[in-house]
Amino acid sequence: MTEHTIPDAATLSGWRKSSYSGAEGGSCIEVLDHYPFGVPVRDSKNPHGPALVFRAAAWSSFVAAVRDEEFGSRD
């Protein structure tokens, strides 16, 4: 993969809020499904800011680790 960032994430449509983002609306990330070069991730508070693009396997591993609470609790 040669692309690691998207300078203006708002140039792409179809973003969805991560199911792991809190309902409070403060700490939210959005992901874009079906992007051909990986999984773009952006800060929902800054839709025109950059998005980081992760390899699909790396993103899946990260999500699994969050799901399994490998990073500790949120409390």
PDB file of N, CA and C in Angstrom:
ATOM      1  N   MET A   1       0.855  -1.178   0.000  1.00  0.00           N
ATOM      2  CA  MET A   1       0.000   0.000   0.000  1.00  0.00           C
ATOM      3  C   MET A   1       0.894   1.232   0.000  1.00  0.00           C
ATOM      4  N   THR A   2       0.674   2.121  -0.918  1.00  0.00           N
ATOM      5  CA  THR A   2       1.484   3.330  -0.992  1.00  0.00           C
ATOM      6  C   THR A   2       0.827   4.513  -0.314  1.00  0.00           C
ATOM      7  N   GLU A   3      -0.479   4.501  -0.153  1.00  0.00           N
ATOM      8  CA  GLU A   3      -1.201   5.619   0.448  1.00  0.00           C
ATOM      9  C   GLU A   3      -1.416   5.363   1.934  1.00  0.00           C
ATOM     10  N   HIS A   4      -0.961   6.278   2.777  1.00  0.00           N
ATOM     11  CA  HIS A   4      -1.114   6.109   4.222  1.00  0.00           C
ATOM     12  C   HIS A   4      -2.006   7.172   4.836  1.00  0.00           C
ATOM     13  N   THR A   5      -2.222   8.281   4.131  1.00  0.00           N
ATOM     14  CA  THR A   5      -3.114   9.333   4.613  1.00  0.00           C
ATOM     15  C   THR A   5      -3.934   9.884   3.457  1.00  0.00           C
ATOM     16  N   ILE A   6      -5.061  10.441   3.821  1.00  0.00           N
ATOM     17  CA  ILE A   6      -5.900  11.177   2.880  1.00  0.00           C
ATOM     18  C   ILE A   6      -5.946  12.590   3.437  1.00  0.00           C
ATOM     19  N   PRO A   7      -5.365  13.570   2.748  1.00  0.00           N
ATOM     20  CA  PRO A   7      -5.242  14.926   3.316  1.00  0.00           C
ATOM     21  C   PRO A   7      -6.574  15.565   3.722  1.00  0.00           C
ATOM     22  N   ASP A   8      -7.614  15.427   2.902  1.00  0.00           N
ATOM     23  CA  ASP A   8      -8.931  15.990   3.219  1.00  0.00           C
ATOM     24  C   ASP A   8      -9.935  14.849   3.150  1.00  0.00           C
ATOM     25  N   ALA A   9     -10.265  14.293   4.304  1.00  0.00           N
ATOM     26  CA  ALA A   9     -11.139  13.121   4.358  1.00  0.00           C
ATOM     27  C   ALA A   9     -12.543  13.408   3.847  1.00  0.00           C
ATOM     28  N   ALA A  10     -12.945  14.672   3.813  1.00  0.00           N
ATOM     29  CA  ALA A  10     -14.283  15.019   3.355  1.00  0.00           C
ATOM     30  C   ALA A  10     -14.451  14.804   1.844  1.00  0.00           C
ATOM     31  N   THR A  11     -13.350  14.549   1.142  1.00  0.00           N
ATOM     32  CA  THR A  11     -13.459  14.291  -0.299  1.00  0.00           C
ATOM     33  C   THR A  11     -14.069  12.923  -0.580  1.00  0.00           C
ATOM     34  N   LEU A  12     -14.180  12.084   0.445  1.00  0.00           N
ATOM     35  CA  LEU A  12     -14.785  10.762   0.300  1.00  0.00           C
ATOM     36  C   LEU A  12     -16.122  10.735   1.026  1.00  0.00           C
ATOM     37  N   SER A  13     -17.064   9.980   0.502  1.00  0.00           N
ATOM     38  CA  SER A  13     -18.376   9.882   1.154  1.00  0.00           C
ATOM     39  C   SER A  13     -18.592   8.465   1.667  1.00  0.00           C
ATOM     40  N   GLY A  14     -19.521   8.326   2.587  1.00  0.00           N
ATOM     41  CA  GLY A  14     -19.867   7.026   3.127  1.00  0.00           C
ATOM     42  C   GLY A  14     -19.287   6.735   4.497  1.00  0.00           C
ATOM     43  N   TRP A  15     -18.775   7.756   5.175  1.00  0.00           N
ATOM     44  CA  TRP A  15     -18.190   7.563   6.501  1.00  0.00           C
ATOM     45  C   TRP A  15     -19.270   7.108   7.474  1.00  0.00           C
ATOM     46  N   ARG A  16     -18.872   6.252   8.416  1.00  0.00           N
ATOM     47  CA  ARG A  16     -19.792   5.839   9.481  1.00  0.00           C
ATOM     48  C   ARG A  16     -19.070   5.925  10.811  1.00  0.00           C
ATOM     49  N   LYS A  17     -19.827   6.242  11.828  1.00  0.00           N
ATOM     50  CA  LYS A  17     -19.262   6.336  13.176  1.00  0.00           C
ATOM     51  C   LYS A  17     -18.940   4.938  13.676  1.00  0.00           C
ATOM     52  N   SER A  18     -17.790   4.779  14.266  1.00  0.00           N
ATOM     53  CA  SER A  18     -17.395   3.494  14.816  1.00  0.00           C
ATOM     54  C   SER A  18     -18.365   3.067  15.912  1.00  0.00           C
ATOM     55  N   SER A  19     -18.700   1.792  15.929  1.00  0.00           N
ATOM     56  CA  SER A  19     -19.587   1.279  16.978  1.00  0.00           C
ATOM     57  C   SER A  19     -18.910   1.304  18.344  1.00  0.00           C
ATOM     58  N   TYR A  20     -17.592   1.489  18.372  1.00  0.00           N
ATOM     59  CA  TYR A  20     -16.855   1.566  19.635  1.00  0.00           C
ATOM     60  C   TYR A  20     -16.738   3.001  20.141  1.00  0.00           C
ATOM     61  N   SER A  21     -17.209   3.972  19.386  1.00  0.00           N
ATOM     62  CA  SER A  21     -17.192   5.357  19.849  1.00  0.00           C
ATOM     63  C   SER A  21     -18.286   5.541  20.884  1.00  0.00           C
ATOM     64  N   GLY A  22     -18.033   6.374  21.849  1.00  0.00           N
ATOM     65  CA  GLY A  22     -18.998   6.598  22.917  1.00  0.00           C
ATOM     66  C   GLY A  22     -20.232   7.340  22.442  1.00  0.00           C
ATOM     67  N   ALA A  23     -21.328   7.144  23.130  1.00  0.00           N
ATOM     68  CA  ALA A  23     -22.590   7.799  22.801  1.00  0.00           C
ATOM     69  C   ALA A  23     -22.580   9.274  23.198  1.00  0.00           C
ATOM     70  N   GLU A  24     -21.591   9.690  24.001  1.00  0.00           N
ATOM     71  CA  GLU A  24     -21.524  11.071  24.476  1.00  0.00           C
ATOM     72  C   GLU A  24     -21.180  12.042  23.351  1.00  0.00           C
ATOM     73  N   GLY A  25     -20.602  11.551  22.273  1.00  0.00           N
ATOM     74  CA  GLY A  25     -20.286  12.402  21.136  1.00  0.00           C
ATOM     75  C   GLY A  25     -18.936  13.080  21.193  1.00  0.00           C
ATOM     76  N   GLY A  26     -18.144  12.856  22.219  1.00  0.00           N
ATOM     77  CA  GLY A  26     -16.866  13.543  22.338  1.00  0.00           C
ATOM     78  C   GLY A  26     -15.710  12.862  21.627  1.00  0.00           C
ATOM     79  N   SER A  27     -15.512  11.600  21.894  1.00  0.00           N
ATOM     80  CA  SER A  27     -14.364  10.871  21.352  1.00  0.00           C
ATOM     81  C   SER A  27     -14.838   9.901  20.284  1.00  0.00           C
ATOM     82  N   CYS A  28     -15.035  10.410  19.087  1.00  0.00           N
ATOM     83  CA  CYS A  28     -15.582   9.577  18.028  1.00  0.00           C
ATOM     84  C   CYS A  28     -14.611   9.466  16.861  1.00  0.00           C
ATOM     85  N   ILE A  29     -14.545   8.274  16.324  1.00  0.00           N
ATOM     86  CA  ILE A  29     -13.843   8.099  15.066  1.00  0.00           C
ATOM     87  C   ILE A  29     -14.850   7.596  14.046  1.00  0.00           C
ATOM     88  N   GLU A  30     -14.550   7.854  12.794  1.00  0.00           N
ATOM     89  CA  GLU A  30     -15.370   7.356  11.709  1.00  0.00           C
ATOM     90  C   GLU A  30     -14.492   6.522  10.792  1.00  0.00           C
ATOM     91  N   VAL A  31     -15.087   5.498  10.225  1.00  0.00           N
ATOM     92  CA  VAL A  31     -14.376   4.627   9.299  1.00  0.00           C
ATOM     93  C   VAL A  31     -15.122   4.606   7.972  1.00  0.00           C
ATOM     94  N   LEU A  32     -14.394   4.246   6.931  1.00  0.00           N
ATOM     95  CA  LEU A  32     -14.975   4.172   5.597  1.00  0.00           C
ATOM     96  C   LEU A  32     -14.828   2.751   5.089  1.00  0.00           C
ATOM     97  N   ASP A  33     -15.952   2.116   4.819  1.00  0.00           N
ATOM     98  CA  ASP A  33     -15.940   0.747   4.313  1.00  0.00           C
ATOM     99  C   ASP A  33     -15.701   0.746   2.799  1.00  0.00           C
ATOM    100  N   HIS A  34     -15.160  -0.332   2.313  1.00  0.00           N
ATOM    101  CA  HIS A  34     -14.997  -0.597   0.881  1.00  0.00           C
ATOM    102  C   HIS A  34     -14.049   0.362   0.174  1.00  0.00           C
ATOM    103  N   TYR A  35     -13.105   0.927   0.887  1.00  0.00           N
ATOM    104  CA  TYR A  35     -12.067   1.743   0.267  1.00  0.00           C
ATOM    105  C   TYR A  35     -11.043   0.766  -0.311  1.00  0.00           C
ATOM    106  N   PRO A  36     -10.628   0.925  -1.563  1.00  0.00           N
ATOM    107  CA  PRO A  36      -9.798  -0.099  -2.209  1.00  0.00           C
ATOM    108  C   PRO A  36      -8.386  -0.250  -1.657  1.00  0.00           C
ATOM    109  N   PHE A  37      -7.901   0.717  -0.893  1.00  0.00           N
ATOM    110  CA  PHE A  37      -6.502   0.683  -0.452  1.00  0.00           C
ATOM    111  C   PHE A  37      -6.336   0.426   1.037  1.00  0.00           C
ATOM    112  N   GLY A  38      -7.388   0.051   1.746  1.00  0.00           N
ATOM    113  CA  GLY A  38      -7.310  -0.192   3.176  1.00  0.00           C
ATOM    114  C   GLY A  38      -8.531   0.346   3.888  1.00  0.00           C
ATOM    115  N   VAL A  39      -8.365   0.679   5.166  1.00  0.00           N
ATOM    116  CA  VAL A  39      -9.464   1.184   5.986  1.00  0.00           C
ATOM    117  C   VAL A  39      -9.127   2.600   6.445  1.00  0.00           C
ATOM    118  N   PRO A  40      -9.757   3.618   5.839  1.00  0.00           N
ATOM    119  CA  PRO A  40      -9.544   4.989   6.293  1.00  0.00           C
ATOM    120  C   PRO A  40     -10.257   5.251   7.619  1.00  0.00           C
ATOM    121  N   VAL A  41      -9.598   6.010   8.485  1.00  0.00           N
ATOM    122  CA  VAL A  41     -10.136   6.357   9.800  1.00  0.00           C
ATOM    123  C   VAL A  41      -9.920   7.858  10.009  1.00  0.00           C
ATOM    124  N   ARG A  42     -10.979   8.557  10.450  1.00  0.00           N
ATOM    125  CA  ARG A  42     -10.854   9.998  10.690  1.00  0.00           C
ATOM    126  C   ARG A  42     -11.505  10.381  12.002  1.00  0.00           C
ATOM    127  N   ASP A  43     -11.158  11.555  12.488  1.00  0.00           N
ATOM    128  CA  ASP A  43     -11.753  12.139  13.688  1.00  0.00           C
ATOM    129  C   ASP A  43     -13.069  12.786  13.274  1.00  0.00           C
ATOM    130  N   SER A  44     -14.165  12.383  13.898  1.00  0.00           N
ATOM    131  CA  SER A  44     -15.473  12.917  13.506  1.00  0.00           C
ATOM    132  C   SER A  44     -15.602  14.414  13.764  1.00  0.00           C
ATOM    133  N   LYS A  45     -14.804  14.948  14.683  1.00  0.00           N
ATOM    134  CA  LYS A  45     -14.861  16.386  14.971  1.00  0.00           C
ATOM    135  C   LYS A  45     -14.147  17.219  13.906  1.00  0.00           C
ATOM    136  N   ASN A  46     -13.390  16.563  13.035  1.00  0.00           N
ATOM    137  CA  ASN A  46     -12.618  17.267  12.022  1.00  0.00           C
ATOM    138  C   ASN A  46     -12.790  16.562  10.664  1.00  0.00           C
ATOM    139  N   PRO A  47     -13.995  16.624  10.077  1.00  0.00           N
ATOM    140  CA  PRO A  47     -14.260  15.871   8.853  1.00  0.00           C
ATOM    141  C   PRO A  47     -13.418  16.305   7.658  1.00  0.00           C
ATOM    142  N   HIS A  48     -12.918  17.533   7.645  1.00  0.00           N
ATOM    143  CA  HIS A  48     -12.062  17.991   6.541  1.00  0.00           C
ATOM    144  C   HIS A  48     -10.584  17.762   6.818  1.00  0.00           C
ATOM    145  N   GLY A  49     -10.298  17.212   7.973  1.00  0.00           N
ATOM    146  CA  GLY A  49      -8.911  16.918   8.312  1.00  0.00           C
ATOM    147  C   GLY A  49      -8.450  15.636   7.642  1.00  0.00           C
ATOM    148  N   PRO A  50      -7.270  15.197   7.988  1.00  0.00           N
ATOM    149  CA  PRO A  50      -6.733  13.994   7.347  1.00  0.00           C
ATOM    150  C   PRO A  50      -7.370  12.712   7.895  1.00  0.00           C
ATOM    151  N   ALA A  51      -7.283  11.683   7.099  1.00  0.00           N
ATOM    152  CA  ALA A  51      -7.664  10.338   7.534  1.00  0.00           C
ATOM    153  C   ALA A  51      -6.434   9.459   7.417  1.00  0.00           C
ATOM    154  N   LEU A  52      -6.270   8.586   8.369  1.00  0.00           N
ATOM    155  CA  LEU A  52      -5.204   7.592   8.304  1.00  0.00           C
ATOM    156  C   LEU A  52      -5.767   6.346   7.634  1.00  0.00           C
ATOM    157  N   VAL A  53      -4.959   5.726   6.787  1.00  0.00           N
ATOM    158  CA  VAL A  53      -5.398   4.519   6.095  1.00  0.00           C
ATOM    159  C   VAL A  53      -4.588   3.336   6.622  1.00  0.00           C
ATOM    160  N   PHE A  54      -5.297   2.371   7.182  1.00  0.00           N
ATOM    161  CA  PHE A  54      -4.667   1.183   7.736  1.00  0.00           C
ATOM    162  C   PHE A  54      -4.915  -0.010   6.820  1.00  0.00           C
ATOM    163  N   ARG A  55      -3.981  -0.933   6.789  1.00  0.00           N
ATOM    164  CA  ARG A  55      -4.213  -2.184   6.074  1.00  0.00           C
ATOM    165  C   ARG A  55      -5.375  -2.898   6.747  1.00  0.00           C
ATOM    166  N   ALA A  56      -6.185  -3.580   5.960  1.00  0.00           N
ATOM    167  CA  ALA A  56      -7.382  -4.242   6.493  1.00  0.00           C
ATOM    168  C   ALA A  56      -7.038  -5.224   7.607  1.00  0.00           C
ATOM    169  N   ALA A  57      -5.979  -5.999   7.438  1.00  0.00           N
ATOM    170  CA  ALA A  57      -5.600  -6.979   8.465  1.00  0.00           C
ATOM    171  C   ALA A  57      -5.193  -6.287   9.767  1.00  0.00           C
ATOM    172  N   ALA A  58      -4.465  -5.183   9.668  1.00  0.00           N
ATOM    173  CA  ALA A  58      -4.049  -4.441  10.861  1.00  0.00           C
ATOM    174  C   ALA A  58      -5.266  -3.847  11.565  1.00  0.00           C
ATOM    175  N   TRP A  59      -6.204  -3.298  10.800  1.00  0.00           N
ATOM    176  CA  TRP A  59      -7.406  -2.722  11.394  1.00  0.00           C
ATOM    177  C   TRP A  59      -8.227  -3.811  12.088  1.00  0.00           C
ATOM    178  N   SER A  60      -8.363  -4.969  11.458  1.00  0.00           N
ATOM    179  CA  SER A  60      -9.109  -6.075  12.061  1.00  0.00           C
ATOM    180  C   SER A  60      -8.468  -6.525  13.371  1.00  0.00           C
ATOM    181  N   SER A  61      -7.150  -6.577  13.395  1.00  0.00           N
ATOM    182  CA  SER A  61      -6.441  -6.952  14.627  1.00  0.00           C
ATOM    183  C   SER A  61      -6.677  -5.930  15.728  1.00  0.00           C
ATOM    184  N   PHE A  62      -6.644  -4.649  15.369  1.00  0.00           N
ATOM    185  CA  PHE A  62      -6.886  -3.589  16.348  1.00  0.00           C
ATOM    186  C   PHE A  62      -8.307  -3.684  16.911  1.00  0.00           C
ATOM    187  N   VAL A  63      -9.292  -3.851  16.037  1.00  0.00           N
ATOM    188  CA  VAL A  63     -10.686  -3.943  16.483  1.00  0.00           C
ATOM    189  C   VAL A  63     -10.871  -5.152  17.397  1.00  0.00           C
ATOM    190  N   ALA A  64     -10.255  -6.272  17.046  1.00  0.00           N
ATOM    191  CA  ALA A  64     -10.354  -7.470  17.888  1.00  0.00           C
ATOM    192  C   ALA A  64      -9.740  -7.220  19.265  1.00  0.00           C
ATOM    193  N   ALA A  65      -8.622  -6.517  19.307  1.00  0.00           N
ATOM    194  CA  ALA A  65      -7.976  -6.210  20.587  1.00  0.00           C
ATOM    195  C   ALA A  65      -8.852  -5.287  21.433  1.00  0.00           C
ATOM    196  N   VAL A  66      -9.501  -4.328  20.814  1.00  0.00           N
ATOM    197  CA  VAL A  66     -10.418  -3.442  21.545  1.00  0.00           C
ATOM    198  C   VAL A  66     -11.595  -4.256  22.069  1.00  0.00           C
ATOM    199  N   ARG A  67     -12.148  -5.085  21.216  1.00  0.00           N
ATOM    200  CA  ARG A  67     -13.284  -5.915  21.612  1.00  0.00           C
ATOM    201  C   ARG A  67     -12.922  -6.821  22.792  1.00  0.00           C
ATOM    202  N   ASP A  68     -11.709  -7.347  22.781  1.00  0.00           N
ATOM    203  CA  ASP A  68     -11.259  -8.250  23.843  1.00  0.00           C
ATOM    204  C   ASP A  68     -10.692  -7.509  25.053  1.00  0.00           C
ATOM    205  N   GLU A  69     -10.793  -6.167  25.039  1.00  0.00           N
ATOM    206  CA  GLU A  69     -10.342  -5.293  26.129  1.00  0.00           C
ATOM    207  C   GLU A  69      -8.869  -5.494  26.467  1.00  0.00           C
ATOM    208  N   GLU A  70      -8.057  -5.710  25.449  1.00  0.00           N
ATOM    209  CA  GLU A  70      -6.623  -5.885  25.658  1.00  0.00           C
ATOM    210  C   GLU A  70      -5.920  -4.592  26.051  1.00  0.00           C
ATOM    211  N   PHE A  71      -6.593  -3.456  25.891  1.00  0.00           N
ATOM    212  CA  PHE A  71      -5.990  -2.171  26.230  1.00  0.00           C
ATOM    213  C   PHE A  71      -6.439  -1.673  27.589  1.00  0.00           C
ATOM    214  N   GLY A  72      -7.179  -2.460  28.323  1.00  0.00           N
ATOM    215  CA  GLY A  72      -7.685  -2.048  29.626  1.00  0.00           C
ATOM    216  C   GLY A  72      -9.095  -1.503  29.520  1.00  0.00           C
ATOM    217  N   SER A  73      -9.682  -1.262  30.663  1.00  0.00           N
ATOM    218  CA  SER A  73     -11.058  -0.763  30.682  1.00  0.00           C
ATOM    219  C   SER A  73     -11.078   0.734  30.424  1.00  0.00           C
ATOM    220  N   ARG A  74     -12.265   1.237  30.115  1.00  0.00           N
ATOM    221  CA  ARG A  74     -12.449   2.661  29.832  1.00  0.00           C
ATOM    222  C   ARG A  74     -12.646   3.456  31.102  1.00  0.00           C
ATOM    223  N   ASP A  75     -12.770   2.820  32.256  1.00  0.00           N
ATOM    224  CA  ASP A  75     -13.032   3.520  33.521  1.00  0.00           C
ATOM    225  C   ASP A  75     -11.797   4.190  34.050  1.00  0.00           C
TER     226      ASP A  75
END
